[in-house]
Amino acid sequence: MPDRKLSPCARQTEAEIEDYYRNQPEGSAAVVRRTHGGVLTYQITAFGLRRMRTGRINVEGVGDFYMKSGKNCWEPTGQTRLVVPTEEVLAWAAENPRGQMGVSIYADEPFWRKPGST
């Protein structure tokens, strides 16, 4: 099986995402990951208006997200999530401003592709 291309955020955990968005000052960089139509894109923006009581933050030009999971508040099962703006994510976003197809956001192989699974 050929190697899959992994997104630079594929191995980020919810704990890392929560730690970043709870502890960085308002106005810090925020990265929104979208996977619509099989195309991975990142939008680099900033976040503000942290609401500690409800666990939400507002990302400029995008909307509200849960700090704990990075999920969109209004479409938590959708294809838009927050990720930590690491150097790898920012570099990938600069190299692929319109996104790229065929990039997996999952670090582990799906169960239906694992060798020996039936």
PDB file of N, CA and C in Angstrom:
ATOM      1  N   MET A   1       0.846  -1.171   0.000  1.00  0.00           N
ATOM      2  CA  MET A   1       0.000   0.000   0.000  1.00  0.00           C
ATOM      3  C   MET A   1       0.899   1.245   0.000  1.00  0.00           C
ATOM      4  N   PRO A   2       0.637   2.234  -0.844  1.00  0.00           N
ATOM      5  CA  PRO A   2       1.466   3.434  -0.871  1.00  0.00           C
ATOM      6  C   PRO A   2       1.291   4.245   0.411  1.00  0.00           C
ATOM      7  N   ASP A   3       2.336   4.996   0.743  1.00  0.00           N
ATOM      8  CA  ASP A   3       2.253   5.855   1.919  1.00  0.00           C
ATOM      9  C   ASP A   3       1.210   6.944   1.689  1.00  0.00           C
ATOM     10  N   ARG A   4       0.455   7.208   2.727  1.00  0.00           N
ATOM     11  CA  ARG A   4      -0.537   8.278   2.656  1.00  0.00           C
ATOM     12  C   ARG A   4       0.124   9.598   3.005  1.00  0.00           C
ATOM     13  N   LYS A   5      -0.335  10.667   2.393  1.00  0.00           N
ATOM     14  CA  LYS A   5       0.123  11.992   2.783  1.00  0.00           C
ATOM     15  C   LYS A   5      -0.703  12.410   3.994  1.00  0.00           C
ATOM     16  N   LEU A   6      -0.021  12.736   5.081  1.00  0.00           N
ATOM     17  CA  LEU A   6      -0.709  13.179   6.290  1.00  0.00           C
ATOM     18  C   LEU A   6      -0.673  14.694   6.390  1.00  0.00           C
ATOM     19  N   SER A   7      -1.746  15.251   6.886  1.00  0.00           N
ATOM     20  CA  SER A   7      -1.771  16.690   7.122  1.00  0.00           C
ATOM     21  C   SER A   7      -0.837  17.005   8.285  1.00  0.00           C
ATOM     22  N   PRO A   8      -0.327  18.226   8.343  1.00  0.00           N
ATOM     23  CA  PRO A   8       0.586  18.577   9.430  1.00  0.00           C
ATOM     24  C   PRO A   8      -0.079  18.613  10.806  1.00  0.00           C
ATOM     25  N   CYS A   9      -1.404  18.560  10.849  1.00  0.00           N
ATOM     26  CA  CYS A   9      -2.107  18.574  12.133  1.00  0.00           C
ATOM     27  C   CYS A   9      -2.648  17.201  12.507  1.00  0.00           C
ATOM     28  N   ALA A  10      -2.321  16.176  11.740  1.00  0.00           N
ATOM     29  CA  ALA A  10      -2.935  14.857  11.926  1.00  0.00           C
ATOM     30  C   ALA A  10      -2.682  14.267  13.309  1.00  0.00           C
ATOM     31  N   ARG A  11      -1.560  14.564  13.906  1.00  0.00           N
ATOM     32  CA  ARG A  11      -1.232  13.972  15.207  1.00  0.00           C
ATOM     33  C   ARG A  11      -1.511  14.905  16.390  1.00  0.00           C
ATOM     34  N   GLN A  12      -2.167  16.027  16.151  1.00  0.00           N
ATOM     35  CA  GLN A  12      -2.530  16.909  17.259  1.00  0.00           C
ATOM     36  C   GLN A  12      -3.667  16.285  18.053  1.00  0.00           C
ATOM     37  N   THR A  13      -3.572  16.383  19.365  1.00  0.00           N
ATOM     38  CA  THR A  13      -4.602  15.826  20.236  1.00  0.00           C
ATOM     39  C   THR A  13      -5.542  16.935  20.716  1.00  0.00           C
ATOM     40  N   GLU A  14      -6.707  16.522  21.202  1.00  0.00           N
ATOM     41  CA  GLU A  14      -7.635  17.504  21.764  1.00  0.00           C
ATOM     42  C   GLU A  14      -7.007  18.218  22.955  1.00  0.00           C
ATOM     43  N   ALA A  15      -6.174  17.517  23.724  1.00  0.00           N
ATOM     44  CA  ALA A  15      -5.519  18.136  24.880  1.00  0.00           C
ATOM     45  C   ALA A  15      -4.569  19.250  24.435  1.00  0.00           C
ATOM     46  N   GLU A  16      -3.835  19.048  23.349  1.00  0.00           N
ATOM     47  CA  GLU A  16      -2.932  20.085  22.836  1.00  0.00           C
ATOM     48  C   GLU A  16      -3.720  21.285  22.324  1.00  0.00           C
ATOM     49  N   ILE A  17      -4.823  21.006  21.646  1.00  0.00           N
ATOM     50  CA  ILE A  17      -5.664  22.086  21.125  1.00  0.00           C
ATOM     51  C   ILE A  17      -6.256  22.892  22.275  1.00  0.00           C
ATOM     52  N   GLU A  18      -6.777  22.202  23.285  1.00  0.00           N
ATOM     53  CA  GLU A  18      -7.351  22.892  24.445  1.00  0.00           C
ATOM     54  C   GLU A  18      -6.295  23.712  25.172  1.00  0.00           C
ATOM     55  N   ASP A  19      -5.117  23.149  25.385  1.00  0.00           N
ATOM     56  CA  ASP A  19      -4.041  23.855  26.084  1.00  0.00           C
ATOM     57  C   ASP A  19      -3.677  25.151  25.355  1.00  0.00           C
ATOM     58  N   TYR A  20      -3.549  25.081  24.044  1.00  0.00           N
ATOM     59  CA  TYR A  20      -3.181  26.278  23.274  1.00  0.00           C
ATOM     60  C   TYR A  20      -4.257  27.355  23.388  1.00  0.00           C
ATOM     61  N   TYR A  21      -5.500  27.010  23.104  1.00  0.00           N
ATOM     62  CA  TYR A  21      -6.547  28.027  23.038  1.00  0.00           C
ATOM     63  C   TYR A  21      -6.995  28.518  24.412  1.00  0.00           C
ATOM     64  N   ARG A  22      -6.754  27.777  25.465  1.00  0.00           N
ATOM     65  CA  ARG A  22      -7.062  28.261  26.821  1.00  0.00           C
ATOM     66  C   ARG A  22      -5.968  29.171  27.367  1.00  0.00           C
ATOM     67  N   ASN A  23      -4.719  28.953  26.946  1.00  0.00           N
ATOM     68  CA  ASN A  23      -3.601  29.642  27.583  1.00  0.00           C
ATOM     69  C   ASN A  23      -2.963  30.763  26.776  1.00  0.00           C
ATOM     70  N   GLN A  24      -3.196  30.840  25.483  1.00  0.00           N
ATOM     71  CA  GLN A  24      -2.643  31.935  24.684  1.00  0.00           C
ATOM     72  C   GLN A  24      -3.485  33.186  24.896  1.00  0.00           C
ATOM     73  N   PRO A  25      -2.864  34.365  24.836  1.00  0.00           N
ATOM     74  CA  PRO A  25      -3.651  35.591  25.016  1.00  0.00           C
ATOM     75  C   PRO A  25      -4.601  35.831  23.847  1.00  0.00           C
ATOM     76  N   GLU A  26      -5.710  36.502  24.144  1.00  0.00           N
ATOM     77  CA  GLU A  26      -6.653  36.848  23.083  1.00  0.00           C
ATOM     78  C   GLU A  26      -5.929  37.679  22.038  1.00  0.00           C
ATOM     79  N   GLY A  27      -6.244  37.432  20.777  1.00  0.00           N
ATOM     80  CA  GLY A  27      -5.565  38.108  19.678  1.00  0.00           C
ATOM     81  C   GLY A  27      -4.447  37.274  19.077  1.00  0.00           C
ATOM     82  N   SER A  28      -4.169  36.115  19.686  1.00  0.00           N
ATOM     83  CA  SER A  28      -3.133  35.218  19.160  1.00  0.00           C
ATOM     84  C   SER A  28      -3.630  34.534  17.893  1.00  0.00           C
ATOM     85  N   ALA A  29      -2.698  33.923  17.184  1.00  0.00           N
ATOM     86  CA  ALA A  29      -3.027  33.230  15.933  1.00  0.00           C
ATOM     87  C   ALA A  29      -3.960  32.058  16.190  1.00  0.00           C
ATOM     88  N   ALA A  30      -4.857  31.844  15.256  1.00  0.00           N
ATOM     89  CA  ALA A  30      -5.757  30.688  15.260  1.00  0.00           C
ATOM     90  C   ALA A  30      -5.746  30.112  13.851  1.00  0.00           C
ATOM     91  N   VAL A  31      -5.840  28.790  13.759  1.00  0.00           N
ATOM     92  CA  VAL A  31      -5.892  28.139  12.452  1.00  0.00           C
ATOM     93  C   VAL A  31      -7.152  27.287  12.388  1.00  0.00           C
ATOM     94  N   VAL A  32      -7.942  27.517  11.346  1.00  0.00           N
ATOM     95  CA  VAL A  32      -9.172  26.769  11.116  1.00  0.00           C
ATOM     96  C   VAL A  32      -8.906  25.778   9.986  1.00  0.00           C
ATOM     97  N   ARG A  33      -9.139  24.484  10.273  1.00  0.00           N
ATOM     98  CA  ARG A  33      -8.952  23.434   9.269  1.00  0.00           C
ATOM     99  C   ARG A  33     -10.304  23.094   8.657  1.00  0.00           C
ATOM    100  N   ARG A  34     -10.334  23.042   7.318  1.00  0.00           N
ATOM    101  CA  ARG A  34     -11.550  22.642   6.603  1.00  0.00           C
ATOM    102  C   ARG A  34     -11.207  21.472   5.689  1.00  0.00           C
ATOM    103  N   THR A  35     -12.125  20.521   5.598  1.00  0.00           N
ATOM    104  CA  THR A  35     -11.884  19.341   4.768  1.00  0.00           C
ATOM    105  C   THR A  35     -13.025  19.111   3.786  1.00  0.00           C
ATOM    106  N   HIS A  36     -13.692  20.138   3.388  1.00  0.00           N
ATOM    107  CA  HIS A  36     -14.862  20.016   2.512  1.00  0.00           C
ATOM    108  C   HIS A  36     -14.477  19.531   1.115  1.00  0.00           C
ATOM    109  N   GLY A  37     -15.235  18.578   0.595  1.00  0.00           N
ATOM    110  CA  GLY A  37     -15.045  18.094  -0.767  1.00  0.00           C
ATOM    111  C   GLY A  37     -13.741  17.360  -0.994  1.00  0.00           C
ATOM    112  N   GLY A  38     -13.158  16.817   0.057  1.00  0.00           N
ATOM    113  CA  GLY A  38     -11.901  16.092  -0.082  1.00  0.00           C
ATOM    114  C   GLY A  38     -10.686  16.992  -0.201  1.00  0.00           C
ATOM    115  N   VAL A  39     -10.873  18.297  -0.036  1.00  0.00           N
ATOM    116  CA  VAL A  39      -9.774  19.253  -0.126  1.00  0.00           C
ATOM    117  C   VAL A  39      -9.470  19.773   1.273  1.00  0.00           C
ATOM    118  N   LEU A  40      -8.224  19.647   1.684  1.00  0.00           N
ATOM    119  CA  LEU A  40      -7.784  20.160   2.983  1.00  0.00           C
ATOM    120  C   LEU A  40      -7.308  21.591   2.807  1.00  0.00           C
ATOM    121  N   THR A  41      -7.877  22.516   3.591  1.00  0.00           N
ATOM    122  CA  THR A  41      -7.423  23.904   3.592  1.00  0.00           C
ATOM    123  C   THR A  41      -7.278  24.378   5.028  1.00  0.00           C
ATOM    124  N   TYR A  42      -6.387  25.350   5.209  1.00  0.00           N
ATOM    125  CA  TYR A  42      -6.220  26.009   6.503  1.00  0.00           C
ATOM    126  C   TYR A  42      -6.467  27.498   6.314  1.00  0.00           C
ATOM    127  N   GLN A  43      -7.196  28.092   7.244  1.00  0.00           N
ATOM    128  CA  GLN A  43      -7.393  29.538   7.263  1.00  0.00           C
ATOM    129  C   GLN A  43      -6.684  30.074   8.496  1.00  0.00           C
ATOM    130  N   ILE A  44      -5.753  30.981   8.285  1.00  0.00           N
ATOM    131  CA  ILE A  44      -5.000  31.568   9.394  1.00  0.00           C
ATOM    132  C   ILE A  44      -5.659  32.886   9.761  1.00  0.00           C
ATOM    133  N   THR A  45      -6.014  33.010  11.027  1.00  0.00           N
ATOM    134  CA  THR A  45      -6.699  34.198  11.514  1.00  0.00           C
ATOM    135  C   THR A  45      -6.282  34.412  12.969  1.00  0.00           C
ATOM    136  N   ALA A  46      -7.099  35.064  13.752  1.00  0.00           N
ATOM    137  CA  ALA A  46      -6.818  35.287  15.174  1.00  0.00           C
ATOM    138  C   ALA A  46      -8.082  34.974  15.967  1.00  0.00           C
ATOM    139  N   PHE A  47      -7.899  34.760  17.261  1.00  0.00           N
ATOM    140  CA  PHE A  47      -9.076  34.511  18.092  1.00  0.00           C
ATOM    141  C   PHE A  47      -9.178  35.562  19.180  1.00  0.00           C
ATOM    142  N   GLY A  48     -10.381  35.753  19.647  1.00  0.00           N
ATOM    143  CA  GLY A  48     -10.631  36.703  20.718  1.00  0.00           C
ATOM    144  C   GLY A  48     -11.881  36.296  21.462  1.00  0.00           C
ATOM    145  N   LEU A  49     -12.301  37.132  22.367  1.00  0.00           N
ATOM    146  CA  LEU A  49     -13.529  36.907  23.130  1.00  0.00           C
ATOM    147  C   LEU A  49     -13.591  35.497  23.699  1.00  0.00           C
ATOM    148  N   ARG A  50     -12.649  35.189  24.570  1.00  0.00           N
ATOM    149  CA  ARG A  50     -12.624  33.884  25.240  1.00  0.00           C
ATOM    150  C   ARG A  50     -13.678  33.889  26.340  1.00  0.00           C
ATOM    151  N   ARG A  51     -14.545  32.890  26.326  1.00  0.00           N
ATOM    152  CA  ARG A  51     -15.587  32.752  27.343  1.00  0.00           C
ATOM    153  C   ARG A  51     -15.266  31.519  28.185  1.00  0.00           C
ATOM    154  N   MET A  52     -14.626  31.717  29.311  1.00  0.00           N
ATOM    155  CA  MET A  52     -14.170  30.599  30.141  1.00  0.00           C
ATOM    156  C   MET A  52     -15.344  29.814  30.723  1.00  0.00           C
ATOM    157  N   ARG A  53     -16.426  30.499  31.074  1.00  0.00           N
ATOM    158  CA  ARG A  53     -17.558  29.813  31.696  1.00  0.00           C
ATOM    159  C   ARG A  53     -18.193  28.798  30.747  1.00  0.00           C
ATOM    160  N   THR A  54     -18.316  29.161  29.473  1.00  0.00           N
ATOM    161  CA  THR A  54     -18.932  28.250  28.506  1.00  0.00           C
ATOM    162  C   THR A  54     -17.906  27.438  27.731  1.00  0.00           C
ATOM    163  N   GLY A  55     -16.613  27.794  27.860  1.00  0.00           N
ATOM    164  CA  GLY A  55     -15.567  27.049  27.161  1.00  0.00           C
ATOM    165  C   GLY A  55     -15.500  27.337  25.674  1.00  0.00           C
ATOM    166  N   ARG A  56     -15.898  28.546  25.285  1.00  0.00           N
ATOM    167  CA  ARG A  56     -15.919  28.900  23.865  1.00  0.00           C
ATOM    168  C   ARG A  56     -14.990  30.068  23.575  1.00  0.00           C
ATOM    169  N   ILE A  57     -14.519  30.111  22.325  1.00  0.00           N
ATOM    170  CA  ILE A  57     -13.789  31.280  21.848  1.00  0.00           C
ATOM    171  C   ILE A  57     -14.368  31.681  20.497  1.00  0.00           C
ATOM    172  N   ASN A  58     -14.185  32.952  20.170  1.00  0.00           N
ATOM    173  CA  ASN A  58     -14.624  33.443  18.872  1.00  0.00           C
ATOM    174  C   ASN A  58     -13.408  33.613  17.981  1.00  0.00           C
ATOM    175  N   VAL A  59     -13.464  33.028  16.801  1.00  0.00           N
ATOM    176  CA  VAL A  59     -12.391  33.140  15.822  1.00  0.00           C
ATOM    177  C   VAL A  59     -12.831  34.163  14.782  1.00  0.00           C
ATOM    178  N   GLU A  60     -11.994  35.167  14.577  1.00  0.00           N
ATOM    179  CA  GLU A  60     -12.338  36.276  13.691  1.00  0.00           C
ATOM    180  C   GLU A  60     -12.683  35.791  12.288  1.00  0.00           C
ATOM    181  N   GLY A  61     -13.848  36.191  11.817  1.00  0.00           N
ATOM    182  CA  GLY A  61     -14.277  35.877  10.470  1.00  0.00           C
ATOM    183  C   GLY A  61     -14.802  34.467  10.268  1.00  0.00           C
ATOM    184  N   VAL A  62     -14.827  33.664  11.342  1.00  0.00           N
ATOM    185  CA  VAL A  62     -15.272  32.274  11.195  1.00  0.00           C
ATOM    186  C   VAL A  62     -16.434  31.964  12.128  1.00  0.00           C
ATOM    187  N   GLY A  63     -16.297  32.258  13.415  1.00  0.00           N
ATOM    188  CA  GLY A  63     -17.364  31.987  14.371  1.00  0.00           C
ATOM    189  C   GLY A  63     -16.842  31.404  15.663  1.00  0.00           C
ATOM    190  N   ASP A  64     -17.735  30.767  16.413  1.00  0.00           N
ATOM    191  CA  ASP A  64     -17.411  30.235  17.732  1.00  0.00           C
ATOM    192  C   ASP A  64     -16.991  28.773  17.669  1.00  0.00           C
ATOM    193  N   PHE A  65     -16.016  28.441  18.532  1.00  0.00           N
ATOM    194  CA  PHE A  65     -15.497  27.081  18.638  1.00  0.00           C
ATOM    195  C   PHE A  65     -15.360  26.718  20.110  1.00  0.00           C
ATOM    196  N   TYR A  66     -15.455  25.417  20.392  1.00  0.00           N
ATOM    197  CA  TYR A  66     -15.200  24.923  21.742  1.00  0.00           C
ATOM    198  C   TYR A  66     -13.695  24.818  21.943  1.00  0.00           C
ATOM    199  N   MET A  67     -13.201  25.370  23.053  1.00  0.00           N
ATOM    200  CA  MET A  67     -11.767  25.290  23.339  1.00  0.00           C
ATOM    201  C   MET A  67     -11.338  23.861  23.625  1.00  0.00           C
ATOM    202  N   LYS A  68     -12.208  23.088  24.255  1.00  0.00           N
ATOM    203  CA  LYS A  68     -11.841  21.734  24.678  1.00  0.00           C
ATOM    204  C   LYS A  68     -11.547  20.807  23.506  1.00  0.00           C
ATOM    205  N   SER A  69     -12.311  20.925  22.437  1.00  0.00           N
ATOM    206  CA  SER A  69     -12.169  19.983  21.325  1.00  0.00           C
ATOM    207  C   SER A  69     -11.757  20.629  20.009  1.00  0.00           C
ATOM    208  N   GLY A  70     -11.935  21.926  19.881  1.00  0.00           N
ATOM    209  CA  GLY A  70     -11.675  22.597  18.617  1.00  0.00           C
ATOM    210  C   GLY A  70     -12.835  22.500  17.644  1.00  0.00           C
ATOM    211  N   LYS A  71     -13.959  21.921  18.086  1.00  0.00           N
ATOM    212  CA  LYS A  71     -15.118  21.761  17.206  1.00  0.00           C
ATOM    213  C   LYS A  71     -15.887  23.071  17.087  1.00  0.00           C
ATOM    214  N   ASN A  72     -16.514  23.252  15.937  1.00  0.00           N
ATOM    215  CA  ASN A  72     -17.364  24.402  15.702  1.00  0.00           C
ATOM    216  C   ASN A  72     -18.603  24.282  16.594  1.00  0.00           C
ATOM    217  N   CYS A  73     -18.987  25.369  17.254  1.00  0.00           N
ATOM    218  CA  CYS A  73     -20.125  25.323  18.178  1.00  0.00           C
ATOM    219  C   CYS A  73     -21.446  25.038  17.483  1.00  0.00           C
ATOM    220  N   TRP A  74     -21.608  25.500  16.261  1.00  0.00           N
ATOM    221  CA  TRP A  74     -22.899  25.378  15.591  1.00  0.00           C
ATOM    222  C   TRP A  74     -22.978  24.140  14.708  1.00  0.00           C
ATOM    223  N   GLU A  75     -21.845  23.580  14.326  1.00  0.00           N
ATOM    224  CA  GLU A  75     -21.814  22.341  13.546  1.00  0.00           C
ATOM    225  C   GLU A  75     -20.705  21.443  14.095  1.00  0.00           C
ATOM    226  N   PRO A  76     -20.899  20.890  15.298  1.00  0.00           N
ATOM    227  CA  PRO A  76     -19.825  20.122  15.941  1.00  0.00           C
ATOM    228  C   PRO A  76     -19.449  18.834  15.221  1.00  0.00           C
ATOM    229  N   THR A  77     -20.302  18.330  14.350  1.00  0.00           N
ATOM    230  CA  THR A  77     -19.948  17.126  13.594  1.00  0.00           C
ATOM    231  C   THR A  77     -19.528  17.473  12.166  1.00  0.00           C
ATOM    232  N   GLY A  78     -19.352  18.757  11.897  1.00  0.00           N
ATOM    233  CA  GLY A  78     -18.993  19.212  10.557  1.00  0.00           C
ATOM    234  C   GLY A  78     -17.518  19.045  10.238  1.00  0.00           C
ATOM    235  N   GLN A  79     -17.091  19.677   9.162  1.00  0.00           N
ATOM    236  CA  GLN A  79     -15.744  19.515   8.638  1.00  0.00           C
ATOM    237  C   GLN A  79     -14.861  20.721   8.907  1.00  0.00           C
ATOM    238  N   THR A  80     -15.214  21.521   9.902  1.00  0.00           N
ATOM    239  CA  THR A  80     -14.444  22.707  10.265  1.00  0.00           C
ATOM    240  C   THR A  80     -14.007  22.575  11.714  1.00  0.00           C
ATOM    241  N   ARG A  81     -12.694  22.644  11.940  1.00  0.00           N
ATOM    242  CA  ARG A  81     -12.143  22.500  13.297  1.00  0.00           C
ATOM    243  C   ARG A  81     -10.987  23.457  13.510  1.00  0.00           C
ATOM    244  N   LEU A  82     -10.720  23.764  14.766  1.00  0.00           N
ATOM    245  CA  LEU A  82      -9.520  24.508  15.132  1.00  0.00           C
ATOM    246  C   LEU A  82      -8.358  23.548  15.290  1.00  0.00           C
ATOM    247  N   VAL A  83      -7.176  23.988  14.899  1.00  0.00           N
ATOM    248  CA  VAL A  83      -5.951  23.243  15.160  1.00  0.00           C
ATOM    249  C   VAL A  83      -4.924  24.223  15.713  1.00  0.00           C
ATOM    250  N   VAL A  84      -3.869  23.699  16.297  1.00  0.00           N
ATOM    251  CA  VAL A  84      -2.807  24.532  16.851  1.00  0.00           C
ATOM    252  C   VAL A  84      -1.948  25.054  15.700  1.00  0.00           C
ATOM    253  N   PRO A  85      -1.651  26.353  15.681  1.00  0.00           N
ATOM    254  CA  PRO A  85      -0.842  26.909  14.598  1.00  0.00           C
ATOM    255  C   PRO A  85       0.652  26.627  14.778  1.00  0.00           C
ATOM    256  N   THR A  86       1.037  25.387  14.550  1.00  0.00           N
ATOM    257  CA  THR A  86       2.449  25.014  14.644  1.00  0.00           C
ATOM    258  C   THR A  86       3.193  25.519  13.410  1.00  0.00           C
ATOM    259  N   GLU A  87       4.517  25.460  13.454  1.00  0.00           N
ATOM    260  CA  GLU A  87       5.318  25.878  12.300  1.00  0.00           C
ATOM    261  C   GLU A  87       4.975  25.050  11.067  1.00  0.00           C
ATOM    262  N   GLU A  88       4.745  23.740  11.274  1.00  0.00           N
ATOM    263  CA  GLU A  88       4.423  22.862  10.149  1.00  0.00           C
ATOM    264  C   GLU A  88       3.089  23.244   9.505  1.00  0.00           C
ATOM    265  N   VAL A  89       2.091  23.522  10.334  1.00  0.00           N
ATOM    266  CA  VAL A  89       0.771  23.901   9.817  1.00  0.00           C
ATOM    267  C   VAL A  89       0.866  25.224   9.055  1.00  0.00           C
ATOM    268  N   LEU A  90       1.554  26.203   9.620  1.00  0.00           N
ATOM    269  CA  LEU A  90       1.670  27.507   8.972  1.00  0.00           C
ATOM    270  C   LEU A  90       2.440  27.412   7.658  1.00  0.00           C
ATOM    271  N   ALA A  91       3.502  26.600   7.633  1.00  0.00           N
ATOM    272  CA  ALA A  91       4.283  26.424   6.400  1.00  0.00           C
ATOM    273  C   ALA A  91       3.444  25.740   5.324  1.00  0.00           C
ATOM    274  N   TRP A  92       2.687  24.697   5.712  1.00  0.00           N
ATOM    275  CA  TRP A  92       1.836  23.986   4.748  1.00  0.00           C
ATOM    276  C   TRP A  92       0.782  24.929   4.183  1.00  0.00           C
ATOM    277  N   ALA A  93       0.190  25.745   5.052  1.00  0.00           N
ATOM    278  CA  ALA A  93      -0.841  26.688   4.605  1.00  0.00           C
ATOM    279  C   ALA A  93      -0.261  27.706   3.627  1.00  0.00           C
ATOM    280  N   ALA A  94       0.973  28.148   3.857  1.00  0.00           N
ATOM    281  CA  ALA A  94       1.608  29.103   2.947  1.00  0.00           C
ATOM    282  C   ALA A  94       1.926  28.460   1.598  1.00  0.00           C
ATOM    283  N   GLU A  95       2.316  27.190   1.607  1.00  0.00           N
ATOM    284  CA  GLU A  95       2.655  26.483   0.365  1.00  0.00           C
ATOM    285  C   GLU A  95       1.414  26.060  -0.419  1.00  0.00           C
ATOM    286  N   ASN A  96       0.304  25.878   0.258  1.00  0.00           N
ATOM    287  CA  ASN A  96      -0.936  25.394  -0.371  1.00  0.00           C
ATOM    288  C   ASN A  96      -2.100  26.329  -0.042  1.00  0.00           C
ATOM    289  N   PRO A  97      -2.078  27.567  -0.520  1.00  0.00           N
ATOM    290  CA  PRO A  97      -3.130  28.520  -0.127  1.00  0.00           C
ATOM    291  C   PRO A  97      -4.532  28.115  -0.571  1.00  0.00           C
ATOM    292  N   ARG A  98      -4.639  27.302  -1.616  1.00  0.00           N
ATOM    293  CA  ARG A  98      -5.954  26.841  -2.069  1.00  0.00           C
ATOM    294  C   ARG A  98      -6.255  25.430  -1.600  1.00  0.00           C
ATOM    295  N   GLY A  99      -5.384  24.874  -0.781  1.00  0.00           N
ATOM    296  CA  GLY A  99      -5.591  23.535  -0.264  1.00  0.00           C
ATOM    297  C   GLY A  99      -5.010  22.473  -1.173  1.00  0.00           C
ATOM    298  N   GLN A 100      -5.239  21.230  -0.789  1.00  0.00           N
ATOM    299  CA  GLN A 100      -4.720  20.107  -1.555  1.00  0.00           C
ATOM    300  C   GLN A 100      -5.628  18.905  -1.339  1.00  0.00           C
ATOM    301  N   MET A 101      -5.812  18.123  -2.400  1.00  0.00           N
ATOM    302  CA  MET A 101      -6.611  16.900  -2.315  1.00  0.00           C
ATOM    303  C   MET A 101      -5.714  15.730  -1.931  1.00  0.00           C
ATOM    304  N   GLY A 102      -6.324  14.688  -1.381  1.00  0.00           N
ATOM    305  CA  GLY A 102      -5.597  13.458  -1.095  1.00  0.00           C
ATOM    306  C   GLY A 102      -4.735  13.500   0.143  1.00  0.00           C
ATOM    307  N   VAL A 103      -5.018  14.418   1.045  1.00  0.00           N
ATOM    308  CA  VAL A 103      -4.252  14.529   2.287  1.00  0.00           C
ATOM    309  C   VAL A 103      -5.142  14.060   3.425  1.00  0.00           C
ATOM    310  N   SER A 104      -4.655  13.102   4.208  1.00  0.00           N
ATOM    311  CA  SER A 104      -5.444  12.542   5.296  1.00  0.00           C
ATOM    312  C   SER A 104      -5.260  13.352   6.571  1.00  0.00           C
ATOM    313  N   ILE A 105      -6.345  13.549   7.292  1.00  0.00           N
ATOM    314  CA  ILE A 105      -6.269  14.216   8.591  1.00  0.00           C
ATOM    315  C   ILE A 105      -6.216  13.195   9.717  1.00  0.00           C
ATOM    316  N   TYR A 106      -6.201  11.908   9.360  1.00  0.00           N
ATOM    317  CA  TYR A 106      -6.209  10.835  10.348  1.00  0.00           C
ATOM    318  C   TYR A 106      -4.832  10.198  10.425  1.00  0.00           C
ATOM    319  N   ALA A 107      -4.244  10.180  11.620  1.00  0.00           N
ATOM    320  CA  ALA A 107      -2.905   9.624  11.799  1.00  0.00           C
ATOM    321  C   ALA A 107      -2.905   8.109  11.690  1.00  0.00           C
ATOM    322  N   ASP A 108      -3.996   7.465  12.075  1.00  0.00           N
ATOM    323  CA  ASP A 108      -4.078   6.006  12.028  1.00  0.00           C
ATOM    324  C   ASP A 108      -4.796   5.563  10.766  1.00  0.00           C
ATOM    325  N   GLU A 109      -4.397   4.424  10.257  1.00  0.00           N
ATOM    326  CA  GLU A 109      -5.024   3.846   9.065  1.00  0.00           C
ATOM    327  C   GLU A 109      -6.473   3.473   9.390  1.00  0.00           C
ATOM    328  N   PRO A 110      -7.437   3.809   8.525  1.00  0.00           N
ATOM    329  CA  PRO A 110      -8.825   3.405   8.775  1.00  0.00           C
ATOM    330  C   PRO A 110      -8.945   1.892   8.888  1.00  0.00           C
ATOM    331  N   PHE A 111      -9.886   1.430   9.693  1.00  0.00           N
ATOM    332  CA  PHE A 111     -10.017  -0.003   9.956  1.00  0.00           C
ATOM    333  C   PHE A 111     -10.253  -0.803   8.678  1.00  0.00           C
ATOM    334  N   TRP A 112     -10.909  -0.213   7.679  1.00  0.00           N
ATOM    335  CA  TRP A 112     -11.203  -0.968   6.470  1.00  0.00           C
ATOM    336  C   TRP A 112      -9.995  -1.093   5.541  1.00  0.00           C
ATOM    337  N   ARG A 113      -8.894  -0.395   5.846  1.00  0.00           N
ATOM    338  CA  ARG A 113      -7.699  -0.492   5.020  1.00  0.00           C
ATOM    339  C   ARG A 113      -6.567  -1.250   5.700  1.00  0.00           C
ATOM    340  N   LYS A 114      -6.750  -1.626   6.946  1.00  0.00           N
ATOM    341  CA  LYS A 114      -5.681  -2.330   7.656  1.00  0.00           C
ATOM    342  C   LYS A 114      -5.504  -3.720   7.071  1.00  0.00           C
ATOM    343  N   PRO A 115      -4.257  -4.158   6.880  1.00  0.00           N
ATOM    344  CA  PRO A 115      -4.031  -5.498   6.338  1.00  0.00           C
ATOM    345  C   PRO A 115      -4.588  -6.560   7.273  1.00  0.00           C
ATOM    346  N   GLY A 116      -5.225  -7.544   6.695  1.00  0.00           N
ATOM    347  CA  GLY A 116      -5.747  -8.660   7.472  1.00  0.00           C
ATOM    348  C   GLY A 116      -7.120  -8.422   8.062  1.00  0.00           C
ATOM    349  N   SER A 117      -7.686  -7.221   7.897  1.00  0.00           N
ATOM    350  CA  SER A 117      -9.026  -6.984   8.448  1.00  0.00           C
ATOM    351  C   SER A 117     -10.063  -7.471   7.452  1.00  0.00           C
ATOM    352  N   THR A 118     -11.136  -8.011   7.981  1.00  0.00           N
ATOM    353  CA  THR A 118     -12.203  -8.514   7.112  1.00  0.00           C
ATOM    354  C   THR A 118     -13.534  -7.949   7.515  1.00  0.00           C
TER     355      THR A 118
END
